[in-house]
């Protein structure tokens, strides 16, 4: 006897876009994302991400200094296209000028890579949990 499904909607795994030219750093980021339960789409530069324009990503994690643009430029280009996916910028060193530019462009946060494991995980857990199917407002 066949059972009718409750819903025909596919269950999609949340995904995070990572814009990081350094493969070793991208692997570190993936190691943080994987246990939280999200897939990763990696891009080596800003143009690659913009060509894909992932509207349904949970968030975008981007290096501040990309080969073809800055993280702030990437955010501006995304916002100019109407894409409001949260963006977290990463940098090798705590550059205050870059941090200010990133936040002004609309970054959710600016994280020094030396603090990445601790700080990025907090954001990822919250955003991925909020984007799971059936994770709407809880009733008390």
Foldseek 3Di string as FASTA:
>chain_A
DDDDDPDPDDFDWAEEEEADLDPVVVVVVCVLQVVLTHHYDYHPFLVVCVVVLDQRHLAYEYEQDGPVHGLLVSLLVCVVVVRDGAYEYEYQDDDVVSQVSNVVSPHPYYYYVVCCNPPVSVVSNVSSCCPGPPSPDDDD
